[in-house]
Amino acid sequence: MDPLTITAIIASALILLAMLWWYYPFFRKPWTPKLQALKKLKTALNGSELLSAKAPAIIVYKAERQLQFYDGEKLLKTYPIALGLNPLDDKRKEGDGCTPEGDFYICTKNDQSRFHLFLGLSYPNEEDAERGLRTGLISKEEHDRILQAHAAWQRPPWDTRLGGEIGIHGGGADAHWTQGGIALENKDIEELFLITPLGTPVKILP
């Protein structure tokens, strides 16, 4: 094969790879700096109690501005957090700036979040749905959808007047600034993202 043909084949292959990289995020995603950092962190945590927790659980103490990660009843690590713009009250509806209280679970994981990394919480929960129906904030159909999602351990509807898209994410823990989420320093959410599987129970206390 002559050199010109080889050069043409190489050039065509490079163009094809560039097109795949640009138009198909699936090919680009494994090489993003964020995921590369997660890969290195996972290697560093290999064999640690954090990464090998058999019964992971999270408790958030709003007043103390702490998130604690447990394996069963054993506390493994505590992280500083920031809360919603209204950090004291329980969340009631969309746009109130409050961080919800109660029992939830991790229902989604998003490594492409604008808040660095995102662990979605199963807000609204059953109690929120009952309150929303009782006060006329949501319909019976919306109430039933929320309960069905929880029964299946799935993400509940995030498009009702109760609000949604509440999660644990990055962005900084210096001051209360979120719309209801629980914010950590980026380095901390990277660790928590790795060690927290879907379905992990999360209790949020006043």
N, C-alpha and C. Protein backbone atom coordinates (compact mmCIF):
# COMPACT_ATOMS: atom_id res chain seq x y z
N MET A 1 0.86 -1.19 0.00
CA MET A 1 0.00 0.00 0.00
C MET A 1 0.89 1.24 0.00
N ASP A 2 0.64 2.14 -0.93
CA ASP A 2 1.52 3.31 -1.06
C ASP A 2 1.24 4.31 0.07
N PRO A 3 2.23 5.18 0.33
CA PRO A 3 2.11 6.14 1.45
C PRO A 3 0.89 7.05 1.35
N LEU A 4 0.52 7.47 0.13
CA LEU A 4 -0.63 8.36 -0.03
C LEU A 4 -1.93 7.68 0.42
N THR A 5 -2.06 6.40 0.08
CA THR A 5 -3.25 5.65 0.49
C THR A 5 -3.31 5.51 2.00
N ILE A 6 -2.16 5.19 2.60
CA ILE A 6 -2.10 5.07 4.07
C ILE A 6 -2.48 6.39 4.73
N THR A 7 -1.93 7.48 4.18
CA THR A 7 -2.22 8.82 4.73
C THR A 7 -3.72 9.12 4.63
N ALA A 8 -4.32 8.77 3.49
CA ALA A 8 -5.75 9.02 3.28
C ALA A 8 -6.60 8.21 4.26
N ILE A 9 -6.20 6.96 4.51
CA ILE A 9 -6.94 6.12 5.46
C ILE A 9 -6.86 6.69 6.88
N ILE A 10 -5.65 7.10 7.26
CA ILE A 10 -5.48 7.68 8.59
C ILE A 10 -6.29 8.96 8.74
N ALA A 11 -6.26 9.81 7.69
CA ALA A 11 -7.00 11.06 7.74
C ALA A 11 -8.51 10.79 7.85
N SER A 12 -9.00 9.82 7.10
CA SER A 12 -10.42 9.48 7.14
C SER A 12 -10.82 8.96 8.52
N ALA A 13 -9.94 8.15 9.12
CA ALA A 13 -10.22 7.60 10.45
C ALA A 13 -10.27 8.71 11.49
N LEU A 14 -9.35 9.66 11.38
CA LEU A 14 -9.33 10.79 12.32
C LEU A 14 -10.58 11.64 12.19
N ILE A 15 -11.00 11.87 10.94
CA ILE A 15 -12.23 12.65 10.72
C ILE A 15 -13.44 11.94 11.30
N LEU A 16 -13.50 10.62 11.11
CA LEU A 16 -14.61 9.83 11.65
C LEU A 16 -14.63 9.89 13.17
N LEU A 17 -13.46 9.76 13.80
CA LEU A 17 -13.39 9.83 15.25
C LEU A 17 -13.80 11.20 15.77
N ALA A 18 -13.36 12.25 15.04
CA ALA A 18 -13.73 13.61 15.44
C ALA A 18 -15.23 13.82 15.35
N MET A 19 -15.87 13.26 14.33
CA MET A 19 -17.32 13.39 14.17
C MET A 19 -18.05 12.64 15.28
N LEU A 20 -17.56 11.43 15.61
CA LEU A 20 -18.17 10.67 16.69
C LEU A 20 -18.03 11.41 18.02
N TRP A 21 -16.88 11.97 18.24
CA TRP A 21 -16.60 12.73 19.46
C TRP A 21 -17.54 13.93 19.59
N TRP A 22 -17.77 14.61 18.47
CA TRP A 22 -18.55 15.84 18.50
C TRP A 22 -20.06 15.57 18.57
N TYR A 23 -20.53 14.61 17.78
CA TYR A 23 -21.99 14.41 17.65
C TYR A 23 -22.56 13.37 18.61
N TYR A 24 -21.71 12.52 19.18
CA TYR A 24 -22.22 11.46 20.04
C TYR A 24 -21.52 11.52 21.40
N PRO A 25 -22.19 12.13 22.40
CA PRO A 25 -21.58 12.28 23.74
C PRO A 25 -21.14 10.96 24.36
N PHE A 26 -21.77 9.85 23.96
CA PHE A 26 -21.39 8.54 24.49
C PHE A 26 -19.90 8.28 24.29
N PHE A 27 -19.36 8.70 23.13
CA PHE A 27 -17.94 8.48 22.84
C PHE A 27 -17.06 9.47 23.59
N ARG A 28 -17.60 10.64 23.86
CA ARG A 28 -16.82 11.69 24.50
C ARG A 28 -16.82 11.56 26.02
N LYS A 29 -17.93 11.06 26.57
CA LYS A 29 -18.16 11.08 28.01
C LYS A 29 -17.06 10.41 28.84
N PRO A 30 -16.58 9.21 28.49
CA PRO A 30 -15.58 8.57 29.36
C PRO A 30 -14.29 9.35 29.50
N TRP A 31 -14.06 10.32 28.61
CA TRP A 31 -12.79 11.04 28.63
C TRP A 31 -12.92 12.43 29.25
N THR A 32 -14.10 12.79 29.77
CA THR A 32 -14.25 14.10 30.37
C THR A 32 -13.42 14.18 31.64
N PRO A 33 -12.86 15.37 31.95
CA PRO A 33 -12.04 15.50 33.16
C PRO A 33 -12.77 15.08 34.43
N LYS A 34 -14.07 15.34 34.51
CA LYS A 34 -14.83 14.99 35.71
C LYS A 34 -14.83 13.48 35.92
N LEU A 35 -15.09 12.73 34.86
CA LEU A 35 -15.15 11.28 35.02
C LEU A 35 -13.76 10.68 35.20
N GLN A 36 -12.77 11.31 34.61
CA GLN A 36 -11.40 10.86 34.86
C GLN A 36 -11.02 11.05 36.33
N ALA A 37 -11.46 12.18 36.91
CA ALA A 37 -11.19 12.44 38.32
C ALA A 37 -11.90 11.42 39.20
N LEU A 38 -13.13 11.06 38.83
CA LEU A 38 -13.87 10.06 39.59
C LEU A 38 -13.18 8.70 39.53
N LYS A 39 -12.66 8.39 38.37
CA LYS A 39 -11.96 7.11 38.20
C LYS A 39 -10.73 7.05 39.11
N LYS A 40 -9.97 8.15 39.18
CA LYS A 40 -8.78 8.18 40.03
C LYS A 40 -9.18 8.10 41.51
N LEU A 41 -10.27 8.79 41.86
CA LEU A 41 -10.73 8.76 43.25
C LEU A 41 -11.19 7.37 43.64
N LYS A 42 -11.88 6.69 42.74
CA LYS A 42 -12.34 5.33 43.02
C LYS A 42 -11.15 4.40 43.26
N THR A 43 -10.09 4.58 42.49
CA THR A 43 -8.88 3.78 42.69
C THR A 43 -8.28 4.07 44.06
N ALA A 44 -8.28 5.36 44.44
CA ALA A 44 -7.71 5.75 45.73
C ALA A 44 -8.52 5.20 46.89
N LEU A 45 -9.85 5.08 46.69
CA LEU A 45 -10.73 4.60 47.76
C LEU A 45 -10.85 3.08 47.80
N ASN A 46 -10.27 2.41 46.83
CA ASN A 46 -10.40 0.96 46.73
C ASN A 46 -9.96 0.29 48.04
N GLY A 47 -10.85 -0.53 48.59
CA GLY A 47 -10.55 -1.23 49.83
C GLY A 47 -10.93 -0.47 51.08
N SER A 48 -11.39 0.78 50.93
CA SER A 48 -11.77 1.57 52.10
C SER A 48 -13.16 1.21 52.59
N GLU A 49 -13.47 1.57 53.83
CA GLU A 49 -14.80 1.33 54.40
C GLU A 49 -15.86 2.10 53.62
N LEU A 50 -15.50 3.27 53.15
CA LEU A 50 -16.48 4.10 52.43
C LEU A 50 -16.97 3.40 51.17
N LEU A 51 -16.04 2.84 50.41
CA LEU A 51 -16.40 2.24 49.14
C LEU A 51 -17.01 0.85 49.31
N SER A 52 -16.76 0.22 50.45
CA SER A 52 -17.24 -1.16 50.63
C SER A 52 -18.41 -1.25 51.61
N ALA A 53 -19.09 -0.13 51.87
CA ALA A 53 -20.21 -0.14 52.82
C ALA A 53 -21.28 -1.12 52.35
N LYS A 54 -21.72 -1.99 53.24
CA LYS A 54 -22.72 -3.00 52.91
C LYS A 54 -24.15 -2.47 53.04
N ALA A 55 -24.34 -1.52 53.97
CA ALA A 55 -25.68 -0.96 54.19
C ALA A 55 -25.56 0.57 54.25
N PRO A 56 -25.24 1.20 53.11
CA PRO A 56 -25.05 2.66 53.10
C PRO A 56 -26.33 3.40 53.46
N ALA A 57 -26.18 4.46 54.20
CA ALA A 57 -27.31 5.30 54.59
C ALA A 57 -26.79 6.71 54.86
N ILE A 58 -27.67 7.69 54.64
CA ILE A 58 -27.30 9.09 54.82
C ILE A 58 -28.28 9.75 55.78
N ILE A 59 -27.74 10.52 56.71
CA ILE A 59 -28.56 11.35 57.58
C ILE A 59 -28.08 12.80 57.44
N VAL A 60 -29.03 13.70 57.20
CA VAL A 60 -28.72 15.12 57.06
C VAL A 60 -29.29 15.85 58.27
N TYR A 61 -28.43 16.61 58.94
CA TYR A 61 -28.84 17.44 60.06
C TYR A 61 -28.82 18.90 59.59
N LYS A 62 -30.00 19.45 59.34
CA LYS A 62 -30.07 20.80 58.79
C LYS A 62 -29.50 21.84 59.75
N ALA A 63 -29.87 21.76 61.02
CA ALA A 63 -29.42 22.76 61.98
C ALA A 63 -27.91 22.76 62.15
N GLU A 64 -27.31 21.56 62.10
CA GLU A 64 -25.86 21.44 62.27
C GLU A 64 -25.10 21.62 60.96
N ARG A 65 -25.84 21.69 59.85
CA ARG A 65 -25.23 21.81 58.52
C ARG A 65 -24.25 20.67 58.28
N GLN A 66 -24.73 19.45 58.53
CA GLN A 66 -23.91 18.26 58.37
C GLN A 66 -24.66 17.19 57.59
N LEU A 67 -23.91 16.47 56.77
CA LEU A 67 -24.39 15.25 56.14
C LEU A 67 -23.50 14.12 56.62
N GLN A 68 -24.11 13.09 57.18
CA GLN A 68 -23.35 11.97 57.71
C GLN A 68 -23.62 10.72 56.88
N PHE A 69 -22.55 10.01 56.55
CA PHE A 69 -22.63 8.79 55.76
C PHE A 69 -22.35 7.60 56.68
N TYR A 70 -23.29 6.64 56.67
CA TYR A 70 -23.21 5.48 57.56
C TYR A 70 -23.11 4.18 56.77
N ASP A 71 -22.54 3.19 57.42
CA ASP A 71 -22.68 1.80 56.99
C ASP A 71 -23.45 1.12 58.11
N GLY A 72 -24.75 0.90 57.90
CA GLY A 72 -25.58 0.44 58.99
C GLY A 72 -25.65 1.51 60.06
N GLU A 73 -25.25 1.16 61.29
CA GLU A 73 -25.25 2.13 62.39
C GLU A 73 -23.86 2.75 62.61
N LYS A 74 -22.91 2.39 61.78
CA LYS A 74 -21.54 2.89 61.95
C LYS A 74 -21.32 4.15 61.12
N LEU A 75 -21.00 5.25 61.79
CA LEU A 75 -20.72 6.50 61.09
C LEU A 75 -19.34 6.42 60.45
N LEU A 76 -19.31 6.65 59.14
CA LEU A 76 -18.03 6.59 58.41
C LEU A 76 -17.46 7.96 58.09
N LYS A 77 -18.34 8.93 57.80
CA LYS A 77 -17.80 10.24 57.44
C LYS A 77 -18.87 11.31 57.59
N THR A 78 -18.42 12.53 57.90
CA THR A 78 -19.30 13.69 58.01
C THR A 78 -18.84 14.77 57.04
N TYR A 79 -19.80 15.35 56.32
CA TYR A 79 -19.50 16.40 55.34
C TYR A 79 -20.24 17.69 55.70
N PRO A 80 -19.59 18.85 55.55
CA PRO A 80 -20.30 20.12 55.72
C PRO A 80 -21.21 20.37 54.51
N ILE A 81 -22.33 21.03 54.74
CA ILE A 81 -23.31 21.25 53.68
C ILE A 81 -23.85 22.68 53.71
N ALA A 82 -24.45 23.06 52.60
CA ALA A 82 -25.28 24.26 52.51
C ALA A 82 -26.67 23.81 52.12
N LEU A 83 -27.68 24.63 52.47
CA LEU A 83 -29.07 24.27 52.24
C LEU A 83 -29.76 25.29 51.34
N GLY A 84 -31.09 25.23 51.32
CA GLY A 84 -31.87 26.16 50.53
C GLY A 84 -31.81 27.57 51.08
N LEU A 85 -32.28 28.51 50.28
CA LEU A 85 -32.28 29.91 50.70
C LEU A 85 -33.09 30.13 51.97
N ASN A 86 -34.07 29.28 52.20
CA ASN A 86 -34.78 29.24 53.47
C ASN A 86 -34.39 27.93 54.15
N PRO A 87 -33.32 27.95 54.94
CA PRO A 87 -32.77 26.70 55.46
C PRO A 87 -33.51 26.12 56.66
N LEU A 88 -34.42 26.87 57.26
CA LEU A 88 -35.05 26.44 58.49
C LEU A 88 -36.33 25.64 58.27
N ASP A 89 -37.16 26.04 57.34
CA ASP A 89 -38.47 25.44 57.18
C ASP A 89 -38.42 24.19 56.31
N ASP A 90 -39.45 23.35 56.48
CA ASP A 90 -39.63 22.17 55.66
C ASP A 90 -40.21 22.59 54.31
N LYS A 91 -39.79 21.91 53.24
CA LYS A 91 -40.29 22.27 51.91
C LYS A 91 -41.77 21.94 51.80
N ARG A 92 -42.54 22.88 51.21
CA ARG A 92 -43.98 22.71 51.05
C ARG A 92 -44.42 22.76 49.59
N LYS A 93 -43.72 23.59 48.81
CA LYS A 93 -44.16 23.75 47.42
C LYS A 93 -43.01 24.27 46.55
N GLU A 94 -43.23 24.22 45.26
CA GLU A 94 -42.25 24.70 44.28
C GLU A 94 -41.90 26.15 44.55
N GLY A 95 -40.59 26.44 44.55
CA GLY A 95 -40.12 27.81 44.63
C GLY A 95 -40.02 28.40 46.01
N ASP A 96 -40.24 27.61 47.08
CA ASP A 96 -40.19 28.21 48.42
C ASP A 96 -38.77 28.27 48.98
N GLY A 97 -37.79 27.69 48.28
CA GLY A 97 -36.40 27.77 48.71
C GLY A 97 -36.07 26.95 49.94
N CYS A 98 -36.97 26.03 50.32
CA CYS A 98 -36.76 25.22 51.52
C CYS A 98 -36.19 23.85 51.17
N THR A 99 -35.40 23.32 52.08
CA THR A 99 -34.90 21.95 51.95
C THR A 99 -35.87 21.01 52.66
N PRO A 100 -36.34 19.96 51.98
CA PRO A 100 -37.35 19.09 52.60
C PRO A 100 -36.81 18.32 53.79
N GLU A 101 -37.74 17.88 54.64
CA GLU A 101 -37.41 17.03 55.79
C GLU A 101 -38.21 15.75 55.69
N GLY A 102 -37.64 14.67 56.20
CA GLY A 102 -38.34 13.39 56.16
C GLY A 102 -37.46 12.28 55.64
N ASP A 103 -38.10 11.20 55.21
CA ASP A 103 -37.39 10.02 54.72
C ASP A 103 -37.49 9.91 53.21
N PHE A 104 -36.33 9.76 52.58
CA PHE A 104 -36.24 9.70 51.12
C PHE A 104 -35.26 8.60 50.73
N TYR A 105 -34.99 8.48 49.45
CA TYR A 105 -33.95 7.58 48.96
C TYR A 105 -33.33 8.20 47.71
N ILE A 106 -32.13 7.75 47.37
CA ILE A 106 -31.47 8.24 46.16
C ILE A 106 -32.14 7.60 44.96
N CYS A 107 -32.77 8.43 44.12
CA CYS A 107 -33.55 7.89 43.00
C CYS A 107 -32.90 8.12 41.65
N THR A 108 -31.92 9.01 41.57
CA THR A 108 -31.20 9.24 40.32
C THR A 108 -29.75 9.61 40.63
N LYS A 109 -28.88 9.38 39.65
CA LYS A 109 -27.49 9.84 39.74
C LYS A 109 -27.14 10.48 38.40
N ASN A 110 -26.67 11.74 38.46
CA ASN A 110 -26.37 12.49 37.24
C ASN A 110 -24.94 13.00 37.29
N ASP A 111 -24.07 12.46 36.44
CA ASP A 111 -22.68 12.90 36.41
C ASP A 111 -22.46 14.05 35.42
N GLN A 112 -23.54 14.57 34.83
CA GLN A 112 -23.43 15.69 33.90
C GLN A 112 -24.21 16.90 34.42
N SER A 113 -24.42 16.98 35.71
CA SER A 113 -25.19 18.06 36.31
C SER A 113 -24.45 19.40 36.22
N ARG A 114 -25.22 20.48 36.13
CA ARG A 114 -24.60 21.82 36.16
C ARG A 114 -24.09 22.14 37.57
N PHE A 115 -24.48 21.33 38.54
CA PHE A 115 -23.97 21.46 39.90
C PHE A 115 -22.91 20.39 40.18
N HIS A 116 -22.10 20.12 39.18
CA HIS A 116 -20.97 19.20 39.22
C HIS A 116 -21.46 17.75 39.18
N LEU A 117 -21.97 17.24 40.29
CA LEU A 117 -22.55 15.90 40.35
C LEU A 117 -23.84 15.97 41.15
N PHE A 118 -24.79 15.10 40.85
CA PHE A 118 -26.12 15.23 41.44
C PHE A 118 -26.67 13.87 41.85
N LEU A 119 -27.07 13.76 43.11
CA LEU A 119 -27.76 12.59 43.63
C LEU A 119 -29.20 13.00 43.88
N GLY A 120 -30.12 12.54 43.03
CA GLY A 120 -31.51 12.96 43.14
C GLY A 120 -32.20 12.32 44.33
N LEU A 121 -32.98 13.13 45.05
CA LEU A 121 -33.76 12.64 46.18
C LEU A 121 -35.20 12.37 45.77
N SER A 122 -35.82 11.40 46.42
CA SER A 122 -37.19 11.00 46.08
C SER A 122 -38.23 11.94 46.68
N TYR A 123 -37.96 13.24 46.61
CA TYR A 123 -38.96 14.24 46.97
C TYR A 123 -39.78 14.55 45.73
N PRO A 124 -41.12 14.64 45.89
CA PRO A 124 -41.93 14.53 47.09
C PRO A 124 -42.15 13.07 47.50
N ASN A 125 -42.20 12.85 48.83
CA ASN A 125 -42.46 11.49 49.32
C ASN A 125 -43.96 11.30 49.58
N GLU A 126 -44.32 10.18 50.19
CA GLU A 126 -45.73 9.87 50.42
C GLU A 126 -46.41 10.90 51.31
N GLU A 127 -45.70 11.35 52.37
CA GLU A 127 -46.29 12.35 53.26
C GLU A 127 -46.52 13.67 52.53
N ASP A 128 -45.57 14.04 51.67
CA ASP A 128 -45.74 15.27 50.88
C ASP A 128 -46.95 15.14 49.97
N ALA A 129 -47.11 13.95 49.38
CA ALA A 129 -48.24 13.73 48.47
C ALA A 129 -49.57 13.84 49.22
N GLU A 130 -49.65 13.25 50.41
CA GLU A 130 -50.88 13.31 51.20
C GLU A 130 -51.20 14.77 51.57
N ARG A 131 -50.19 15.50 52.00
CA ARG A 131 -50.40 16.91 52.36
C ARG A 131 -50.82 17.72 51.15
N GLY A 132 -50.14 17.47 50.01
CA GLY A 132 -50.48 18.21 48.80
C GLY A 132 -51.90 17.97 48.34
N LEU A 133 -52.36 16.73 48.46
CA LEU A 133 -53.73 16.40 48.07
C LEU A 133 -54.72 17.04 49.04
N ARG A 134 -54.41 16.97 50.31
CA ARG A 134 -55.30 17.50 51.35
C ARG A 134 -55.48 19.01 51.23
N THR A 135 -54.41 19.71 50.85
CA THR A 135 -54.47 21.17 50.76
C THR A 135 -54.84 21.67 49.37
N GLY A 136 -55.06 20.73 48.44
CA GLY A 136 -55.45 21.12 47.09
C GLY A 136 -54.32 21.57 46.21
N LEU A 137 -53.09 21.29 46.65
CA LEU A 137 -51.93 21.72 45.86
C LEU A 137 -51.71 20.80 44.66
N ILE A 138 -52.07 19.53 44.80
CA ILE A 138 -51.93 18.58 43.69
C ILE A 138 -53.24 17.83 43.50
N SER A 139 -53.39 17.22 42.34
CA SER A 139 -54.59 16.46 42.03
C SER A 139 -54.48 15.03 42.56
N LYS A 140 -55.60 14.32 42.52
CA LYS A 140 -55.60 12.91 42.92
C LYS A 140 -54.70 12.10 41.98
N GLU A 141 -54.71 12.43 40.71
CA GLU A 141 -53.87 11.72 39.74
C GLU A 141 -52.39 11.94 40.04
N GLU A 142 -52.00 13.17 40.39
CA GLU A 142 -50.61 13.44 40.73
C GLU A 142 -50.23 12.74 42.04
N HIS A 143 -51.14 12.77 42.98
CA HIS A 143 -50.92 12.06 44.25
C HIS A 143 -50.64 10.58 44.01
N ASP A 144 -51.46 9.96 43.17
CA ASP A 144 -51.31 8.53 42.90
C ASP A 144 -50.01 8.23 42.17
N ARG A 145 -49.60 9.12 41.26
CA ARG A 145 -48.33 8.92 40.55
C ARG A 145 -47.15 8.94 41.51
N ILE A 146 -47.19 9.82 42.49
CA ILE A 146 -46.12 9.90 43.48
C ILE A 146 -46.05 8.61 44.29
N LEU A 147 -47.21 8.13 44.74
CA LEU A 147 -47.23 6.90 45.53
C LEU A 147 -46.78 5.69 44.72
N GLN A 148 -47.17 5.64 43.46
CA GLN A 148 -46.76 4.52 42.60
C GLN A 148 -45.25 4.52 42.39
N ALA A 149 -44.66 5.70 42.22
CA ALA A 149 -43.21 5.79 42.04
C ALA A 149 -42.48 5.29 43.28
N HIS A 150 -42.97 5.67 44.45
CA HIS A 150 -42.32 5.24 45.69
C HIS A 150 -42.48 3.74 45.91
N ALA A 151 -43.63 3.22 45.55
CA ALA A 151 -43.84 1.78 45.70
C ALA A 151 -42.86 0.98 44.86
N ALA A 152 -42.44 1.56 43.72
CA ALA A 152 -41.50 0.89 42.82
C ALA A 152 -40.06 1.36 43.02
N TRP A 153 -39.81 2.19 44.02
CA TRP A 153 -38.48 2.74 44.28
C TRP A 153 -37.93 3.47 43.06
N GLN A 154 -38.79 4.25 42.41
CA GLN A 154 -38.40 5.03 41.25
C GLN A 154 -38.43 6.51 41.58
N ARG A 155 -38.05 7.33 40.60
CA ARG A 155 -38.10 8.79 40.79
C ARG A 155 -39.55 9.24 40.76
N PRO A 156 -40.00 9.97 41.78
CA PRO A 156 -41.37 10.48 41.75
C PRO A 156 -41.50 11.63 40.76
N PRO A 157 -42.72 12.02 40.40
CA PRO A 157 -42.90 13.15 39.49
C PRO A 157 -42.27 14.42 40.06
N TRP A 158 -41.53 15.11 39.23
CA TRP A 158 -40.89 16.37 39.65
C TRP A 158 -41.57 17.58 39.00
N ASP A 159 -42.75 17.38 38.44
CA ASP A 159 -43.41 18.46 37.70
C ASP A 159 -44.72 18.90 38.35
N THR A 160 -44.89 18.64 39.65
CA THR A 160 -46.11 19.07 40.33
C THR A 160 -45.83 20.37 41.10
N ARG A 161 -46.88 20.94 41.68
CA ARG A 161 -46.72 22.19 42.44
C ARG A 161 -46.03 21.96 43.79
N LEU A 162 -45.80 20.71 44.14
CA LEU A 162 -45.00 20.42 45.33
C LEU A 162 -43.52 20.72 45.09
N GLY A 163 -43.11 20.78 43.82
CA GLY A 163 -41.71 20.98 43.48
C GLY A 163 -41.00 19.66 43.21
N GLY A 164 -39.77 19.75 42.80
CA GLY A 164 -39.00 18.55 42.48
C GLY A 164 -37.58 18.90 42.13
N GLU A 165 -36.86 17.92 41.60
CA GLU A 165 -35.44 18.07 41.26
C GLU A 165 -34.63 18.51 42.47
N ILE A 166 -34.99 17.96 43.62
CA ILE A 166 -34.23 18.22 44.85
C ILE A 166 -33.19 17.12 45.00
N GLY A 167 -31.97 17.50 45.30
CA GLY A 167 -30.94 16.49 45.41
C GLY A 167 -29.76 16.95 46.24
N ILE A 168 -28.80 16.07 46.34
CA ILE A 168 -27.51 16.34 46.98
C ILE A 168 -26.52 16.58 45.85
N HIS A 169 -25.84 17.71 45.86
CA HIS A 169 -25.01 18.07 44.71
C HIS A 169 -23.83 18.92 45.13
N GLY A 170 -23.02 19.30 44.15
CA GLY A 170 -21.86 20.13 44.41
C GLY A 170 -22.20 21.60 44.30
N GLY A 171 -21.14 22.42 44.26
CA GLY A 171 -21.33 23.86 44.10
C GLY A 171 -20.85 24.69 45.26
N GLY A 172 -20.58 24.05 46.39
CA GLY A 172 -20.03 24.80 47.52
C GLY A 172 -20.93 24.78 48.74
N ALA A 173 -20.32 24.75 49.93
CA ALA A 173 -21.05 24.67 51.18
C ALA A 173 -20.79 25.86 52.10
N ASP A 174 -20.34 26.96 51.54
CA ASP A 174 -19.99 28.12 52.37
C ASP A 174 -21.21 28.86 52.91
N ALA A 175 -22.28 28.94 52.11
CA ALA A 175 -23.47 29.68 52.52
C ALA A 175 -24.70 29.02 51.90
N HIS A 176 -25.86 29.23 52.52
CA HIS A 176 -27.10 28.67 52.00
C HIS A 176 -27.48 29.38 50.71
N TRP A 177 -27.58 28.62 49.62
CA TRP A 177 -27.79 29.27 48.32
C TRP A 177 -28.68 28.48 47.37
N THR A 178 -29.06 27.26 47.71
CA THR A 178 -29.75 26.41 46.75
C THR A 178 -31.26 26.72 46.72
N GLN A 179 -31.95 26.08 45.79
CA GLN A 179 -33.41 26.21 45.70
C GLN A 179 -34.11 25.12 46.54
N GLY A 180 -33.35 24.46 47.37
CA GLY A 180 -33.90 23.41 48.22
C GLY A 180 -33.01 22.19 48.32
N GLY A 181 -31.98 22.16 47.48
CA GLY A 181 -31.05 21.04 47.49
C GLY A 181 -30.07 21.12 48.64
N ILE A 182 -29.25 20.08 48.75
CA ILE A 182 -28.20 20.00 49.76
C ILE A 182 -26.87 20.06 49.04
N ALA A 183 -26.13 21.13 49.26
CA ALA A 183 -24.90 21.38 48.50
C ALA A 183 -23.66 21.03 49.30
N LEU A 184 -22.71 20.38 48.63
CA LEU A 184 -21.42 20.05 49.21
C LEU A 184 -20.32 20.70 48.39
N GLU A 185 -19.13 20.73 48.94
CA GLU A 185 -17.97 21.10 48.14
C GLU A 185 -17.80 20.07 47.04
N ASN A 186 -17.28 20.48 45.90
CA ASN A 186 -17.17 19.57 44.76
C ASN A 186 -16.35 18.32 45.09
N LYS A 187 -15.28 18.50 45.85
CA LYS A 187 -14.45 17.34 46.20
C LYS A 187 -15.22 16.35 47.07
N ASP A 188 -16.13 16.88 47.89
CA ASP A 188 -16.92 16.00 48.75
C ASP A 188 -18.02 15.28 47.99
N ILE A 189 -18.68 15.97 47.06
CA ILE A 189 -19.74 15.30 46.30
C ILE A 189 -19.13 14.25 45.37
N GLU A 190 -17.90 14.45 44.94
CA GLU A 190 -17.24 13.42 44.12
C GLU A 190 -17.11 12.12 44.92
N GLU A 191 -16.70 12.24 46.16
CA GLU A 191 -16.56 11.05 47.01
C GLU A 191 -17.93 10.45 47.31
N LEU A 192 -18.89 11.29 47.69
CA LEU A 192 -20.21 10.78 48.04
C LEU A 192 -20.90 10.15 46.84
N PHE A 193 -20.69 10.72 45.66
CA PHE A 193 -21.27 10.18 44.43
C PHE A 193 -20.79 8.75 44.18
N LEU A 194 -19.52 8.52 44.46
CA LEU A 194 -18.93 7.19 44.23
C LEU A 194 -19.45 6.15 45.22
N ILE A 195 -19.64 6.54 46.46
CA ILE A 195 -19.93 5.56 47.51
C ILE A 195 -21.42 5.38 47.76
N THR A 196 -22.27 6.17 47.08
CA THR A 196 -23.70 6.13 47.33
C THR A 196 -24.44 5.48 46.16
N PRO A 197 -24.96 4.28 46.31
CA PRO A 197 -25.70 3.64 45.22
C PRO A 197 -27.15 4.11 45.17
N LEU A 198 -27.81 3.86 44.05
CA LEU A 198 -29.23 4.12 43.94
C LEU A 198 -29.97 3.33 45.01
N GLY A 199 -31.01 3.93 45.56
CA GLY A 199 -31.80 3.28 46.60
C GLY A 199 -31.31 3.56 48.01
N THR A 200 -30.16 4.23 48.16
CA THR A 200 -29.64 4.54 49.50
C THR A 200 -30.65 5.37 50.27
N PRO A 201 -31.04 4.95 51.49
CA PRO A 201 -31.97 5.77 52.27
C PRO A 201 -31.33 7.06 52.76
N VAL A 202 -32.14 8.11 52.75
CA VAL A 202 -31.68 9.43 53.19
C VAL A 202 -32.72 10.00 54.16
N LYS A 203 -32.30 10.28 55.37
CA LYS A 203 -33.18 10.92 56.36
C LYS A 203 -32.71 12.35 56.55
N ILE A 204 -33.63 13.30 56.39
CA ILE A 204 -33.31 14.72 56.55
C ILE A 204 -34.03 15.22 57.81
N LEU A 205 -33.24 15.68 58.78
CA LEU A 205 -33.78 16.14 60.05
C LEU A 205 -33.66 17.65 60.17
N PRO A 206 -34.55 18.27 60.95
CA PRO A 206 -34.49 19.74 61.13
C PRO A 206 -33.15 20.21 61.65
